[in-house]
Amino acid sequence: MAIKSSSIDDGKVVVLEPKGSLIGGNETDELKEAINSLQNQGNTKLIIDLGDVTYLNSSAIGVLTVAHVSYAKRNGKMILCNVNKSISNIFLVTKLATVFLTEDKREDAIFAIGK
């Protein structure tokens, strides 16, 4: 799986678009490496578009949680968008719906991250 990456606002905001199932294999490692690379470059505004993600397990939730904490510690912001119903239910059951910033649409996430 190749994670699509794009920049907005003169490179200040990065959007990552993982695809498929994030179940702890190479795809989850690739997401983790992409996030770590962005952080090492000093990125402080990240949007992760989950529109093409069909499922995620505890390994992927761990990657997202570590990323969220890391961005928060550096006074950054990470927003998830296009979260489907099944993933949203996982966040509700695990109480992570109160932790992650989420927006229904990418446009809303772009607006929210600029605040």
PDB file of N, CA and C in Angstrom:
ATOM      1  N   MET A   1       0.851  -1.174   0.000  1.00  0.00           N
ATOM      2  CA  MET A   1       0.000   0.000   0.000  1.00  0.00           C
ATOM      3  C   MET A   1       0.890   1.227   0.000  1.00  0.00           C
ATOM      4  N   ALA A   2       0.593   2.140  -0.842  1.00  0.00           N
ATOM      5  CA  ALA A   2       1.297   3.418  -0.845  1.00  0.00           C
ATOM      6  C   ALA A   2       0.363   4.470  -0.252  1.00  0.00           C
ATOM      7  N   ILE A   3       0.850   5.183   0.732  1.00  0.00           N
ATOM      8  CA  ILE A   3       0.045   6.221   1.355  1.00  0.00           C
ATOM      9  C   ILE A   3       0.225   7.491   0.554  1.00  0.00           C
ATOM     10  N   LYS A   4      -0.883   8.015   0.062  1.00  0.00           N
ATOM     11  CA  LYS A   4      -0.849   9.254  -0.705  1.00  0.00           C
ATOM     12  C   LYS A   4      -0.673  10.407   0.269  1.00  0.00           C
ATOM     13  N   SER A   5       0.182  11.343  -0.112  1.00  0.00           N
ATOM     14  CA  SER A   5       0.459  12.499   0.734  1.00  0.00           C
ATOM     15  C   SER A   5       0.347  13.760  -0.114  1.00  0.00           C
ATOM     16  N   SER A   6      -0.284  14.776   0.436  1.00  0.00           N
ATOM     17  CA  SER A   6      -0.362  16.058  -0.254  1.00  0.00           C
ATOM     18  C   SER A   6      -0.209  17.179   0.764  1.00  0.00           C
ATOM     19  N   SER A   7       0.235  18.323   0.274  1.00  0.00           N
ATOM     20  CA  SER A   7       0.453  19.481   1.145  1.00  0.00           C
ATOM     21  C   SER A   7      -0.484  20.614   0.746  1.00  0.00           C
ATOM     22  N   ILE A   8      -0.870  21.379   1.746  1.00  0.00           N
ATOM     23  CA  ILE A   8      -1.734  22.534   1.534  1.00  0.00           C
ATOM     24  C   ILE A   8      -1.132  23.698   2.328  1.00  0.00           C
ATOM     25  N   ASP A   9      -1.558  24.887   2.007  1.00  0.00           N
ATOM     26  CA  ASP A   9      -1.152  26.081   2.748  1.00  0.00           C
ATOM     27  C   ASP A   9       0.378  26.204   2.776  1.00  0.00           C
ATOM     28  N   ASP A  10       0.963  26.197   1.584  1.00  0.00           N
ATOM     29  CA  ASP A  10       2.416  26.313   1.429  1.00  0.00           C
ATOM     30  C   ASP A  10       3.178  25.250   2.213  1.00  0.00           C
ATOM     31  N   GLY A  11       2.627  24.056   2.279  1.00  0.00           N
ATOM     32  CA  GLY A  11       3.301  22.943   2.933  1.00  0.00           C
ATOM     33  C   GLY A  11       3.121  22.868   4.435  1.00  0.00           C
ATOM     34  N   LYS A  12       2.364  23.792   5.007  1.00  0.00           N
ATOM     35  CA  LYS A  12       2.179  23.795   6.466  1.00  0.00           C
ATOM     36  C   LYS A  12       1.222  22.698   6.927  1.00  0.00           C
ATOM     37  N   VAL A  13       0.284  22.338   6.067  1.00  0.00           N
ATOM     38  CA  VAL A  13      -0.689  21.290   6.383  1.00  0.00           C
ATOM     39  C   VAL A  13      -0.428  20.113   5.448  1.00  0.00           C
ATOM     40  N   VAL A  14      -0.300  18.922   6.027  1.00  0.00           N
ATOM     41  CA  VAL A  14      -0.095  17.717   5.224  1.00  0.00           C
ATOM     42  C   VAL A  14      -1.312  16.812   5.405  1.00  0.00           C
ATOM     43  N   VAL A  15      -1.759  16.243   4.276  1.00  0.00           N
ATOM     44  CA  VAL A  15      -2.868  15.289   4.287  1.00  0.00           C
ATOM     45  C   VAL A  15      -2.322  13.923   3.891  1.00  0.00           C
ATOM     46  N   LEU A  16      -2.528  12.935   4.757  1.00  0.00           N
ATOM     47  CA  LEU A  16      -2.157  11.552   4.451  1.00  0.00           C
ATOM     48  C   LEU A  16      -3.429  10.777   4.144  1.00  0.00           C
ATOM     49  N   GLU A  17      -3.362   9.919   3.122  1.00  0.00           N
ATOM     50  CA  GLU A  17      -4.515   9.119   2.721  1.00  0.00           C
ATOM     51  C   GLU A  17      -4.156   7.636   2.681  1.00  0.00           C
ATOM     52  N   PRO A  18      -4.227   6.954   3.820  1.00  0.00           N
ATOM     53  CA  PRO A  18      -4.009   5.503   3.791  1.00  0.00           C
ATOM     54  C   PRO A  18      -5.199   4.813   3.125  1.00  0.00           C
ATOM     55  N   LYS A  19      -4.985   3.578   2.655  1.00  0.00           N
ATOM     56  CA  LYS A  19      -6.050   2.835   1.982  1.00  0.00           C
ATOM     57  C   LYS A  19      -6.091   1.401   2.484  1.00  0.00           C
ATOM     58  N   GLY A  20      -7.273   0.822   2.426  1.00  0.00           N
ATOM     59  CA  GLY A  20      -7.429  -0.588   2.770  1.00  0.00           C
ATOM     60  C   GLY A  20      -7.585  -0.820   4.260  1.00  0.00           C
ATOM     61  N   SER A  21      -7.131  -1.966   4.707  1.00  0.00           N
ATOM     62  CA  SER A  21      -7.209  -2.341   6.117  1.00  0.00           C
ATOM     63  C   SER A  21      -5.884  -2.057   6.808  1.00  0.00           C
ATOM     64  N   LEU A  22      -5.955  -1.409   7.946  1.00  0.00           N
ATOM     65  CA  LEU A  22      -4.767  -1.146   8.764  1.00  0.00           C
ATOM     66  C   LEU A  22      -4.806  -2.140   9.923  1.00  0.00           C
ATOM     67  N   ILE A  23      -4.099  -3.269   9.736  1.00  0.00           N
ATOM     68  CA  ILE A  23      -4.224  -4.358  10.704  1.00  0.00           C
ATOM     69  C   ILE A  23      -2.882  -4.792  11.289  1.00  0.00           C
ATOM     70  N   GLY A  24      -1.941  -3.884  11.336  1.00  0.00           N
ATOM     71  CA  GLY A  24      -0.692  -4.190  12.017  1.00  0.00           C
ATOM     72  C   GLY A  24       0.425  -4.726  11.156  1.00  0.00           C
ATOM     73  N   GLY A  25       0.228  -4.803   9.864  1.00  0.00           N
ATOM     74  CA  GLY A  25       1.284  -5.287   8.981  1.00  0.00           C
ATOM     75  C   GLY A  25       2.048  -4.138   8.344  1.00  0.00           C
ATOM     76  N   ASN A  26       2.515  -4.376   7.131  1.00  0.00           N
ATOM     77  CA  ASN A  26       3.293  -3.374   6.408  1.00  0.00           C
ATOM     78  C   ASN A  26       2.543  -2.060   6.231  1.00  0.00           C
ATOM     79  N   GLU A  27       1.224  -2.155   6.018  1.00  0.00           N
ATOM     80  CA  GLU A  27       0.430  -0.947   5.797  1.00  0.00           C
ATOM     81  C   GLU A  27       0.421  -0.051   7.035  1.00  0.00           C
ATOM     82  N   THR A  28       0.365  -0.637   8.198  1.00  0.00           N
ATOM     83  CA  THR A  28       0.386   0.135   9.438  1.00  0.00           C
ATOM     84  C   THR A  28       1.781   0.698   9.688  1.00  0.00           C
ATOM     85  N   ASP A  29       2.804  -0.100   9.401  1.00  0.00           N
ATOM     86  CA  ASP A  29       4.180   0.382   9.515  1.00  0.00           C
ATOM     87  C   ASP A  29       4.429   1.562   8.584  1.00  0.00           C
ATOM     88  N   GLU A  30       3.870   1.491   7.383  1.00  0.00           N
ATOM     89  CA  GLU A  30       4.034   2.572   6.409  1.00  0.00           C
ATOM     90  C   GLU A  30       3.388   3.863   6.914  1.00  0.00           C
ATOM     91  N   LEU A  31       2.211   3.745   7.524  1.00  0.00           N
ATOM     92  CA  LEU A  31       1.547   4.916   8.092  1.00  0.00           C
ATOM     93  C   LEU A  31       2.391   5.509   9.213  1.00  0.00           C
ATOM     94  N   LYS A  32       2.883   4.645  10.095  1.00  0.00           N
ATOM     95  CA  LYS A  32       3.720   5.084  11.213  1.00  0.00           C
ATOM     96  C   LYS A  32       4.977   5.799  10.708  1.00  0.00           C
ATOM     97  N   GLU A  33       5.628   5.224   9.701  1.00  0.00           N
ATOM     98  CA  GLU A  33       6.844   5.831   9.143  1.00  0.00           C
ATOM     99  C   GLU A  33       6.544   7.177   8.491  1.00  0.00           C
ATOM    100  N   ALA A  34       5.417   7.273   7.791  1.00  0.00           N
ATOM    101  CA  ALA A  34       5.037   8.537   7.154  1.00  0.00           C
ATOM    102  C   ALA A  34       4.808   9.620   8.201  1.00  0.00           C
ATOM    103  N   ILE A  35       4.124   9.269   9.284  1.00  0.00           N
ATOM    104  CA  ILE A  35       3.862  10.228  10.361  1.00  0.00           C
ATOM    105  C   ILE A  35       5.173  10.631  11.039  1.00  0.00           C
ATOM    106  N   ASN A  36       6.021   9.652  11.353  1.00  0.00           N
ATOM    107  CA  ASN A  36       7.309   9.953  11.993  1.00  0.00           C
ATOM    108  C   ASN A  36       8.175  10.853  11.116  1.00  0.00           C
ATOM    109  N   SER A  37       8.170  10.598   9.812  1.00  0.00           N
ATOM    110  CA  SER A  37       8.943  11.424   8.886  1.00  0.00           C
ATOM    111  C   SER A  37       8.447  12.865   8.897  1.00  0.00           C
ATOM    112  N   LEU A  38       7.141  13.038   8.891  1.00  0.00           N
ATOM    113  CA  LEU A  38       6.569  14.389   8.933  1.00  0.00           C
ATOM    114  C   LEU A  38       6.955  15.103  10.225  1.00  0.00           C
ATOM    115  N   GLN A  39       6.874  14.389  11.338  1.00  0.00           N
ATOM    116  CA  GLN A  39       7.231  14.990  12.622  1.00  0.00           C
ATOM    117  C   GLN A  39       8.707  15.374  12.651  1.00  0.00           C
ATOM    118  N   ASN A  40       9.560  14.525  12.105  1.00  0.00           N
ATOM    119  CA  ASN A  40      10.992  14.826  12.059  1.00  0.00           C
ATOM    120  C   ASN A  40      11.288  16.040  11.189  1.00  0.00           C
ATOM    121  N   GLN A  41      10.411  16.313  10.226  1.00  0.00           N
ATOM    122  CA  GLN A  41      10.563  17.487   9.368  1.00  0.00           C
ATOM    123  C   GLN A  41       9.968  18.743  10.002  1.00  0.00           C
ATOM    124  N   GLY A  42       9.358  18.586  11.176  1.00  0.00           N
ATOM    125  CA  GLY A  42       8.804  19.729  11.887  1.00  0.00           C
ATOM    126  C   GLY A  42       7.347  20.022  11.601  1.00  0.00           C
ATOM    127  N   ASN A  43       6.658  19.114  10.919  1.00  0.00           N
ATOM    128  CA  ASN A  43       5.241  19.328  10.632  1.00  0.00           C
ATOM    129  C   ASN A  43       4.441  19.420  11.920  1.00  0.00           C
ATOM    130  N   THR A  44       3.516  20.385  11.991  1.00  0.00           N
ATOM    131  CA  THR A  44       2.671  20.529  13.175  1.00  0.00           C
ATOM    132  C   THR A  44       1.183  20.482  12.855  1.00  0.00           C
ATOM    133  N   LYS A  45       0.841  20.301  11.568  1.00  0.00           N
ATOM    134  CA  LYS A  45      -0.574  20.231  11.180  1.00  0.00           C
ATOM    135  C   LYS A  45      -0.770  19.052  10.231  1.00  0.00           C
ATOM    136  N   LEU A  46      -1.439  18.019  10.747  1.00  0.00           N
ATOM    137  CA  LEU A  46      -1.629  16.788   9.982  1.00  0.00           C
ATOM    138  C   LEU A  46      -3.103  16.421   9.919  1.00  0.00           C
ATOM    139  N   ILE A  47      -3.550  16.115   8.706  1.00  0.00           N
ATOM    140  CA  ILE A  47      -4.893  15.575   8.487  1.00  0.00           C
ATOM    141  C   ILE A  47      -4.714  14.159   7.960  1.00  0.00           C
ATOM    142  N   ILE A  48      -5.393  13.213   8.578  1.00  0.00           N
ATOM    143  CA  ILE A  48      -5.373  11.841   8.079  1.00  0.00           C
ATOM    144  C   ILE A  48      -6.773  11.536   7.563  1.00  0.00           C
ATOM    145  N   ASP A  49      -6.869  11.379   6.248  1.00  0.00           N
ATOM    146  CA  ASP A  49      -8.135  11.107   5.577  1.00  0.00           C
ATOM    147  C   ASP A  49      -8.346   9.595   5.548  1.00  0.00           C
ATOM    148  N   LEU A  50      -9.309   9.127   6.327  1.00  0.00           N
ATOM    149  CA  LEU A  50      -9.579   7.693   6.445  1.00  0.00           C
ATOM    150  C   LEU A  50     -10.682   7.214   5.500  1.00  0.00           C
ATOM    151  N   GLY A  51     -10.999   8.015   4.493  1.00  0.00           N
ATOM    152  CA  GLY A  51     -12.080   7.683   3.566  1.00  0.00           C
ATOM    153  C   GLY A  51     -11.906   6.366   2.834  1.00  0.00           C
ATOM    154  N   ASP A  52     -10.669   5.963   2.576  1.00  0.00           N
ATOM    155  CA  ASP A  52     -10.412   4.708   1.866  1.00  0.00           C
ATOM    156  C   ASP A  52      -9.929   3.597   2.794  1.00  0.00           C
ATOM    157  N   VAL A  53     -10.052   3.798   4.100  1.00  0.00           N
ATOM    158  CA  VAL A  53      -9.673   2.767   5.063  1.00  0.00           C
ATOM    159  C   VAL A  53     -10.932   1.979   5.426  1.00  0.00           C
ATOM    160  N   THR A  54     -10.864   0.675   5.235  1.00  0.00           N
ATOM    161  CA  THR A  54     -12.027  -0.171   5.476  1.00  0.00           C
ATOM    162  C   THR A  54     -12.085  -0.727   6.894  1.00  0.00           C
ATOM    163  N   TYR A  55     -10.918  -0.868   7.517  1.00  0.00           N
ATOM    164  CA  TYR A  55     -10.869  -1.451   8.863  1.00  0.00           C
ATOM    165  C   TYR A  55      -9.553  -1.072   9.508  1.00  0.00           C
ATOM    166  N   LEU A  56      -9.575  -0.940  10.813  1.00  0.00           N
ATOM    167  CA  LEU A  56      -8.325  -0.781  11.558  1.00  0.00           C
ATOM    168  C   LEU A  56      -8.423  -1.548  12.856  1.00  0.00           C
ATOM    169  N   ASN A  57      -7.274  -2.051  13.316  1.00  0.00           N
ATOM    170  CA  ASN A  57      -7.255  -2.816  14.565  1.00  0.00           C
ATOM    171  C   ASN A  57      -6.485  -2.047  15.632  1.00  0.00           C
ATOM    172  N   SER A  58      -6.175  -2.724  16.716  1.00  0.00           N
ATOM    173  CA  SER A  58      -5.521  -2.063  17.848  1.00  0.00           C
ATOM    174  C   SER A  58      -4.136  -1.531  17.490  1.00  0.00           C
ATOM    175  N   SER A  59      -3.433  -2.195  16.587  1.00  0.00           N
ATOM    176  CA  SER A  59      -2.111  -1.705  16.173  1.00  0.00           C
ATOM    177  C   SER A  59      -2.239  -0.344  15.495  1.00  0.00           C
ATOM    178  N   ALA A  60      -3.189  -0.216  14.592  1.00  0.00           N
ATOM    179  CA  ALA A  60      -3.407   1.056  13.897  1.00  0.00           C
ATOM    180  C   ALA A  60      -3.914   2.120  14.860  1.00  0.00           C
ATOM    181  N   ILE A  61      -4.782   1.721  15.780  1.00  0.00           N
ATOM    182  CA  ILE A  61      -5.262   2.677  16.785  1.00  0.00           C
ATOM    183  C   ILE A  61      -4.084   3.173  17.620  1.00  0.00           C
ATOM    184  N   GLY A  62      -3.155   2.272  17.935  1.00  0.00           N
ATOM    185  CA  GLY A  62      -1.954   2.664  18.677  1.00  0.00           C
ATOM    186  C   GLY A  62      -1.126   3.686  17.908  1.00  0.00           C
ATOM    187  N   VAL A  63      -0.947   3.466  16.596  1.00  0.00           N
ATOM    188  CA  VAL A  63      -0.186   4.408  15.761  1.00  0.00           C
ATOM    189  C   VAL A  63      -0.870   5.777  15.772  1.00  0.00           C
ATOM    190  N   LEU A  64      -2.191   5.793  15.607  1.00  0.00           N
ATOM    191  CA  LEU A  64      -2.919   7.060  15.603  1.00  0.00           C
ATOM    192  C   LEU A  64      -2.856   7.754  16.961  1.00  0.00           C
ATOM    193  N   THR A  65      -2.946   6.979  18.033  1.00  0.00           N
ATOM    194  CA  THR A  65      -2.897   7.551  19.380  1.00  0.00           C
ATOM    195  C   THR A  65      -1.527   8.152  19.679  1.00  0.00           C
ATOM    196  N   VAL A  66      -0.463   7.427  19.354  1.00  0.00           N
ATOM    197  CA  VAL A  66       0.898   7.943  19.567  1.00  0.00           C
ATOM    198  C   VAL A  66       1.103   9.211  18.752  1.00  0.00           C
ATOM    199  N   ALA A  67       0.619   9.218  17.513  1.00  0.00           N
ATOM    200  CA  ALA A  67       0.750  10.410  16.672  1.00  0.00           C
ATOM    201  C   ALA A  67      -0.006  11.583  17.278  1.00  0.00           C
ATOM    202  N   HIS A  68      -1.213  11.330  17.750  1.00  0.00           N
ATOM    203  CA  HIS A  68      -2.015  12.391  18.366  1.00  0.00           C
ATOM    204  C   HIS A  68      -1.290  12.997  19.568  1.00  0.00           C
ATOM    205  N   VAL A  69      -0.771  12.143  20.436  1.00  0.00           N
ATOM    206  CA  VAL A  69      -0.065  12.610  21.630  1.00  0.00           C
ATOM    207  C   VAL A  69       1.178  13.403  21.238  1.00  0.00           C
ATOM    208  N   SER A  70       1.903  12.904  20.259  1.00  0.00           N
ATOM    209  CA  SER A  70       3.123  13.578  19.812  1.00  0.00           C
ATOM    210  C   SER A  70       2.823  14.957  19.238  1.00  0.00           C
ATOM    211  N   TYR A  71       1.789  15.058  18.418  1.00  0.00           N
ATOM    212  CA  TYR A  71       1.415  16.366  17.863  1.00  0.00           C
ATOM    213  C   TYR A  71       0.963  17.312  18.977  1.00  0.00           C
ATOM    214  N   ALA A  72       0.189  16.809  19.917  1.00  0.00           N
ATOM    215  CA  ALA A  72      -0.287  17.643  21.018  1.00  0.00           C
ATOM    216  C   ALA A  72       0.870  18.160  21.871  1.00  0.00           C
ATOM    217  N   LYS A  73       1.864  17.318  22.130  1.00  0.00           N
ATOM    218  CA  LYS A  73       3.026  17.736  22.933  1.00  0.00           C
ATOM    219  C   LYS A  73       3.823  18.840  22.255  1.00  0.00           C
ATOM    220  N   ARG A  74       3.779  18.858  20.914  1.00  0.00           N
ATOM    221  CA  ARG A  74       4.535  19.864  20.179  1.00  0.00           C
ATOM    222  C   ARG A  74       3.650  21.045  19.776  1.00  0.00           C
ATOM    223  N   ASN A  75       2.513  21.190  20.457  1.00  0.00           N
ATOM    224  CA  ASN A  75       1.542  22.246  20.160  1.00  0.00           C
ATOM    225  C   ASN A  75       1.047  22.179  18.722  1.00  0.00           C
ATOM    226  N   GLY A  76       0.984  20.979  18.194  1.00  0.00           N
ATOM    227  CA  GLY A  76       0.478  20.766  16.850  1.00  0.00           C
ATOM    228  C   GLY A  76      -0.951  20.284  16.892  1.00  0.00           C
ATOM    229  N   LYS A  77      -1.438  19.933  15.724  1.00  0.00           N
ATOM    230  CA  LYS A  77      -2.821  19.491  15.611  1.00  0.00           C
ATOM    231  C   LYS A  77      -2.905  18.355  14.599  1.00  0.00           C
ATOM    232  N   MET A  78      -3.622  17.303  14.963  1.00  0.00           N
ATOM    233  CA  MET A  78      -3.885  16.188  14.067  1.00  0.00           C
ATOM    234  C   MET A  78      -5.387  15.973  14.015  1.00  0.00           C
ATOM    235  N   ILE A  79      -5.928  15.922  12.800  1.00  0.00           N
ATOM    236  CA  ILE A  79      -7.367  15.735  12.620  1.00  0.00           C
ATOM    237  C   ILE A  79      -7.599  14.538  11.703  1.00  0.00           C
ATOM    238  N   LEU A  80      -8.566  13.715  12.059  1.00  0.00           N
ATOM    239  CA  LEU A  80      -9.001  12.601  11.218  1.00  0.00           C
ATOM    240  C   LEU A  80     -10.257  13.038  10.477  1.00  0.00           C
ATOM    241  N   CYS A  81     -10.360  12.649   9.208  1.00  0.00           N
ATOM    242  CA  CYS A  81     -11.574  12.992   8.471  1.00  0.00           C
ATOM    243  C   CYS A  81     -12.047  11.814   7.629  1.00  0.00           C
ATOM    244  N   ASN A  82     -13.271  11.928   7.157  1.00  0.00           N
ATOM    245  CA  ASN A  82     -13.902  10.884   6.343  1.00  0.00           C
ATOM    246  C   ASN A  82     -13.891   9.530   7.046  1.00  0.00           C
ATOM    247  N   VAL A  83     -14.174   9.547   8.326  1.00  0.00           N
ATOM    248  CA  VAL A  83     -14.172   8.317   9.120  1.00  0.00           C
ATOM    249  C   VAL A  83     -15.495   7.587   8.870  1.00  0.00           C
ATOM    250  N   ASN A  84     -15.400   6.342   8.372  1.00  0.00           N
ATOM    251  CA  ASN A  84     -16.629   5.600   8.081  1.00  0.00           C
ATOM    252  C   ASN A  84     -17.302   5.129   9.369  1.00  0.00           C
ATOM    253  N   LYS A  85     -18.505   4.616   9.219  1.00  0.00           N
ATOM    254  CA  LYS A  85     -19.328   4.231  10.378  1.00  0.00           C
ATOM    255  C   LYS A  85     -18.671   3.148  11.235  1.00  0.00           C
ATOM    256  N   SER A  86     -18.078   2.142  10.628  1.00  0.00           N
ATOM    257  CA  SER A  86     -17.503   1.051  11.424  1.00  0.00           C
ATOM    258  C   SER A  86     -16.285   1.542  12.219  1.00  0.00           C
ATOM    259  N   ILE A  87     -15.465   2.382  11.623  1.00  0.00           N
ATOM    260  CA  ILE A  87     -14.309   2.928  12.345  1.00  0.00           C
ATOM    261  C   ILE A  87     -14.778   3.899  13.418  1.00  0.00           C
ATOM    262  N   SER A  88     -15.783   4.679  13.105  1.00  0.00           N
ATOM    263  CA  SER A  88     -16.357   5.590  14.098  1.00  0.00           C
ATOM    264  C   SER A  88     -16.875   4.812  15.307  1.00  0.00           C
ATOM    265  N   ASN A  89     -17.499   3.664  15.052  1.00  0.00           N
ATOM    266  CA  ASN A  89     -17.989   2.816  16.149  1.00  0.00           C
ATOM    267  C   ASN A  89     -16.838   2.292  17.001  1.00  0.00           C
ATOM    268  N   ILE A  90     -15.716   1.946  16.364  1.00  0.00           N
ATOM    269  CA  ILE A  90     -14.536   1.505  17.120  1.00  0.00           C
ATOM    270  C   ILE A  90     -14.069   2.627  18.048  1.00  0.00           C
ATOM    271  N   PHE A  91     -14.044   3.852  17.530  1.00  0.00           N
ATOM    272  CA  PHE A  91     -13.629   4.997  18.352  1.00  0.00           C
ATOM    273  C   PHE A  91     -14.607   5.238  19.506  1.00  0.00           C
ATOM    274  N   LEU A  92     -15.891   5.015  19.260  1.00  0.00           N
ATOM    275  CA  LEU A  92     -16.883   5.190  20.326  1.00  0.00           C
ATOM    276  C   LEU A  92     -16.708   4.139  21.422  1.00  0.00           C
ATOM    277  N   VAL A  93     -16.562   2.884  21.023  1.00  0.00           N
ATOM    278  CA  VAL A  93     -16.436   1.789  21.985  1.00  0.00           C
ATOM    279  C   VAL A  93     -15.169   1.944  22.832  1.00  0.00           C
ATOM    280  N   THR A  94     -14.088   2.380  22.206  1.00  0.00           N
ATOM    281  CA  THR A  94     -12.815   2.523  22.920  1.00  0.00           C
ATOM    282  C   THR A  94     -12.685   3.872  23.626  1.00  0.00           C
ATOM    283  N   LYS A  95     -13.710   4.706  23.512  1.00  0.00           N
ATOM    284  CA  LYS A  95     -13.729   6.046  24.108  1.00  0.00           C
ATOM    285  C   LYS A  95     -12.736   7.001  23.448  1.00  0.00           C
ATOM    286  N   LEU A  96     -12.175   6.615  22.314  1.00  0.00           N
ATOM    287  CA  LEU A  96     -11.230   7.482  21.608  1.00  0.00           C
ATOM    288  C   LEU A  96     -11.938   8.573  20.824  1.00  0.00           C
ATOM    289  N   ALA A  97     -13.260   8.487  20.722  1.00  0.00           N
ATOM    290  CA  ALA A  97     -14.016   9.549  20.060  1.00  0.00           C
ATOM    291  C   ALA A  97     -13.858  10.865  20.816  1.00  0.00           C
ATOM    292  N   THR A  98     -13.536  10.769  22.103  1.00  0.00           N
ATOM    293  CA  THR A  98     -13.335  11.982  22.898  1.00  0.00           C
ATOM    294  C   THR A  98     -11.898  12.483  22.824  1.00  0.00           C
ATOM    295  N   VAL A  99     -11.010  11.682  22.244  1.00  0.00           N
ATOM    296  CA  VAL A  99      -9.593  12.032  22.144  1.00  0.00           C
ATOM    297  C   VAL A  99      -9.265  12.635  20.787  1.00  0.00           C
ATOM    298  N   PHE A 100      -9.669  11.948  19.722  1.00  0.00           N
ATOM    299  CA  PHE A 100      -9.326  12.380  18.370  1.00  0.00           C
ATOM    300  C   PHE A 100     -10.235  13.509  17.900  1.00  0.00           C
ATOM    301  N   LEU A 101      -9.633  14.475  17.240  1.00  0.00           N
ATOM    302  CA  LEU A 101     -10.414  15.486  16.542  1.00  0.00           C
ATOM    303  C   LEU A 101     -10.818  14.877  15.211  1.00  0.00           C
ATOM    304  N   THR A 102     -12.116  14.907  14.894  1.00  0.00           N
ATOM    305  CA  THR A 102     -12.583  14.339  13.633  1.00  0.00           C
ATOM    306  C   THR A 102     -13.494  15.331  12.929  1.00  0.00           C
ATOM    307  N   GLU A 103     -13.478  15.254  11.625  1.00  0.00           N
ATOM    308  CA  GLU A 103     -14.380  16.034  10.785  1.00  0.00           C
ATOM    309  C   GLU A 103     -14.959  15.105   9.736  1.00  0.00           C
ATOM    310  N   ASP A 104     -16.178  15.382   9.322  1.00  0.00           N
ATOM    311  CA  ASP A 104     -16.838  14.534   8.336  1.00  0.00           C
ATOM    312  C   ASP A 104     -16.175  14.628   6.960  1.00  0.00           C
ATOM    313  N   LYS A 105     -15.797  15.831   6.569  1.00  0.00           N
ATOM    314  CA  LYS A 105     -15.242  16.048   5.231  1.00  0.00           C
ATOM    315  C   LYS A 105     -13.838  16.641   5.316  1.00  0.00           C
ATOM    316  N   ARG A 106     -13.055  16.408   4.280  1.00  0.00           N
ATOM    317  CA  ARG A 106     -11.701  16.944   4.235  1.00  0.00           C
ATOM    318  C   ARG A 106     -11.718  18.473   4.284  1.00  0.00           C
ATOM    319  N   GLU A 107     -12.655  19.087   3.591  1.00  0.00           N
ATOM    320  CA  GLU A 107     -12.742  20.545   3.580  1.00  0.00           C
ATOM    321  C   GLU A 107     -12.937  21.092   4.992  1.00  0.00           C
ATOM    322  N   ASP A 108     -13.769  20.389   5.779  1.00  0.00           N
ATOM    323  CA  ASP A 108     -14.006  20.802   7.171  1.00  0.00           C
ATOM    324  C   ASP A 108     -12.742  20.642   8.002  1.00  0.00           C
ATOM    325  N   ALA A 109     -11.980  19.583   7.752  1.00  0.00           N
ATOM    326  CA  ALA A 109     -10.727  19.355   8.475  1.00  0.00           C
ATOM    327  C   ALA A 109      -9.703  20.433   8.137  1.00  0.00           C
ATOM    328  N   ILE A 110      -9.637  20.805   6.864  1.00  0.00           N
ATOM    329  CA  ILE A 110      -8.715  21.865   6.437  1.00  0.00           C
ATOM    330  C   ILE A 110      -9.068  23.174   7.130  1.00  0.00           C
ATOM    331  N   PHE A 111     -10.356  23.481   7.174  1.00  0.00           N
ATOM    332  CA  PHE A 111     -10.802  24.702   7.862  1.00  0.00           C
ATOM    333  C   PHE A 111     -10.479  24.643   9.340  1.00  0.00           C
ATOM    334  N   ALA A 112     -10.768  23.500   9.976  1.00  0.00           N
ATOM    335  CA  ALA A 112     -10.552  23.354  11.426  1.00  0.00           C
ATOM    336  C   ALA A 112      -9.088  23.405  11.808  1.00  0.00           C
ATOM    337  N   ILE A 113      -8.218  22.865  10.977  1.00  0.00           N
ATOM    338  CA  ILE A 113      -6.797  22.812  11.330  1.00  0.00           C
ATOM    339  C   ILE A 113      -6.146  24.181  11.194  1.00  0.00           C
ATOM    340  N   GLY A 114      -6.783  25.051  10.410  1.00  0.00           N
ATOM    341  CA  GLY A 114      -6.250  26.397  10.219  1.00  0.00           C
ATOM    342  C   GLY A 114      -6.564  27.345  11.354  1.00  0.00           C
ATOM    343  N   LYS A 115      -7.448  26.941  12.262  1.00  0.00           N
ATOM    344  CA  LYS A 115      -7.843  27.810  13.388  1.00  0.00           C
ATOM    345  C   LYS A 115      -6.746  27.924  14.397  1.00  0.00           C
TER     346      LYS A 115
END
